[in-house]
Amino acid sequence: MEPATPQRMSYTPLDAASLRDDAGAATRHGRRIAIVAAAAIATAAVATAGFGGSKNSVGEQQQLRRFPADGVQVLRGEEEDEPTWVQGKDFDSKTPAMDVDFDYHFEGWGTNYDHIPDPEFCAAMCQGVPKCKAYTWVKDAKLDGCPSQCWLKGGTGVKVAKKGVVSGVPPPRKPVQRAPQLATSKAGTMYCFSLMVPHGYEEGILKWQHEKRAGIFGCDAAAIYSNEPIHVADGVVAKVVNSTLKCGYGGDSNSALNSWIFISVWDKVIDLGEYKMYDWVVKVDPDCVFFPHRLARLLVPYAGAGGYINNCKYGMHGPIEVFSKDAIDVLALDFDASWDGKAPKTCVNELKFDQWGEDMFIDQCMDKVLHIHRVNDFNLLSERHCGSDDWDACSSHRVAFHPFKRPADYMACMRKGSYGDFPVVA
């Protein structure tokens, strides 16, 4: 599912529009941009809290700041000599050499996204949109929260010196091929599944995974669970879970309080019993880019040992969860012990999990209550909430990268992911 081709954009100067800096002393000129954005870019707007910026609807016209925003903060004194960005300083860059403190003035197609934290991320977004030939990242676009902004453009246009912005061209676009399939592995076989919220972006991402035999569809067996029997792809119909899939947010990290949702999911997985035919059970979020052949390599040392894998130094995180069949068998016995067989009796009785997400619940349930063997392996997941600064580059040899909620970004991460062995992480 490739992004639709966006239509052409044009922009013309505003009449004496001005913006003032924080001191109220400087006046700058703006421009009017009339945008007709592609349906793919409009409907696949970034859904994470950090991406909730200005998004263009099909057929709408918006007045936006100059391309990029003229409201960029002008640094004074000693800060004037400091570059806006030092490529490769914080982590290895896979992006072509950036033009730091230069703008690309381009007359043509373009669109913008707010709250994009760094130019590497902006370059990756450009790489995921075939129409995008260049980008400009604005460090301070005067936005609430993360003030940075990313502009995707149809060409480089004229290069103009400008403090506070970073411009460049995207990394080469590797063709998305079918993911390598699992050969007979010493690690054993894998049953992989995702829980899908119906009628949203997750359905499109899972359809694309099925088409490319990527993600969960690169495992020995794959299944999708939802609260509706949605036909996702040929031969793939969601298995129905008894849940509304709705939950609140809270706890220390204001995360989804979805423990009861996944108790219903595990009840369905156990009730169907398909997992019993495989050595490993792998739960993967739809927006988590997952390379199953890497997981097969990672699991070799753990074959036959039972237990489950903790993927983060802060405790197990939910984008990818890996359990042995034996671990799920023990969990199933705790379900059977409840009066109706719909919840793990001992874990529910002994844990106070009303402010927990499902990942913390299942981790504590298995480790602290059911005393299932727990192994730490931090090669499994690359995620900002787990201390990975380069998760969006998708250039390490981790098994999974999270999150990528726009289909274009998901595909870009798949393209950038290099196949092969992975380094050991201490």
Foldseek 3Di string as FASTA:
>chain_A
DAFDAFAKWFWAWDDLDWDAAPVRPDTDGWIFIFGQTGPQQQQLQDDDPLFPFDGDDHPGTDGDGHQVHPRADQDDDPCNPPWLDDACPVHDALWPDKDTQKAQDDGMHKDKIFRDQDVSLLLLLLLLHVQFFKKKKACANPDPDRRIMIMTDNDRHDIGGHGRMMMDGHHDFFDQAQADADDDFLLWFEEEEEEDEPPGLLLVLVLVCCVSCFDNSSGPHYAYAYQDQDDSDVVHTHHHFPDPQDAAFADPVRHGLCQLVVLRVLLVCVVVPPCVVIFKYKYAYSQKGFRVNQVSVVSNVVRPVFFWEAQAPVTRDDRMTMGTPVLSVLQQVQLVPDPVSSGRPQLVVPDDRSNHHNRVSVRCCSCVPVNGDYHYANLAEAEVVRPHPCLQQLQAQRRIGDGHSRSSSSVSSSRNHDDDHHDGDD
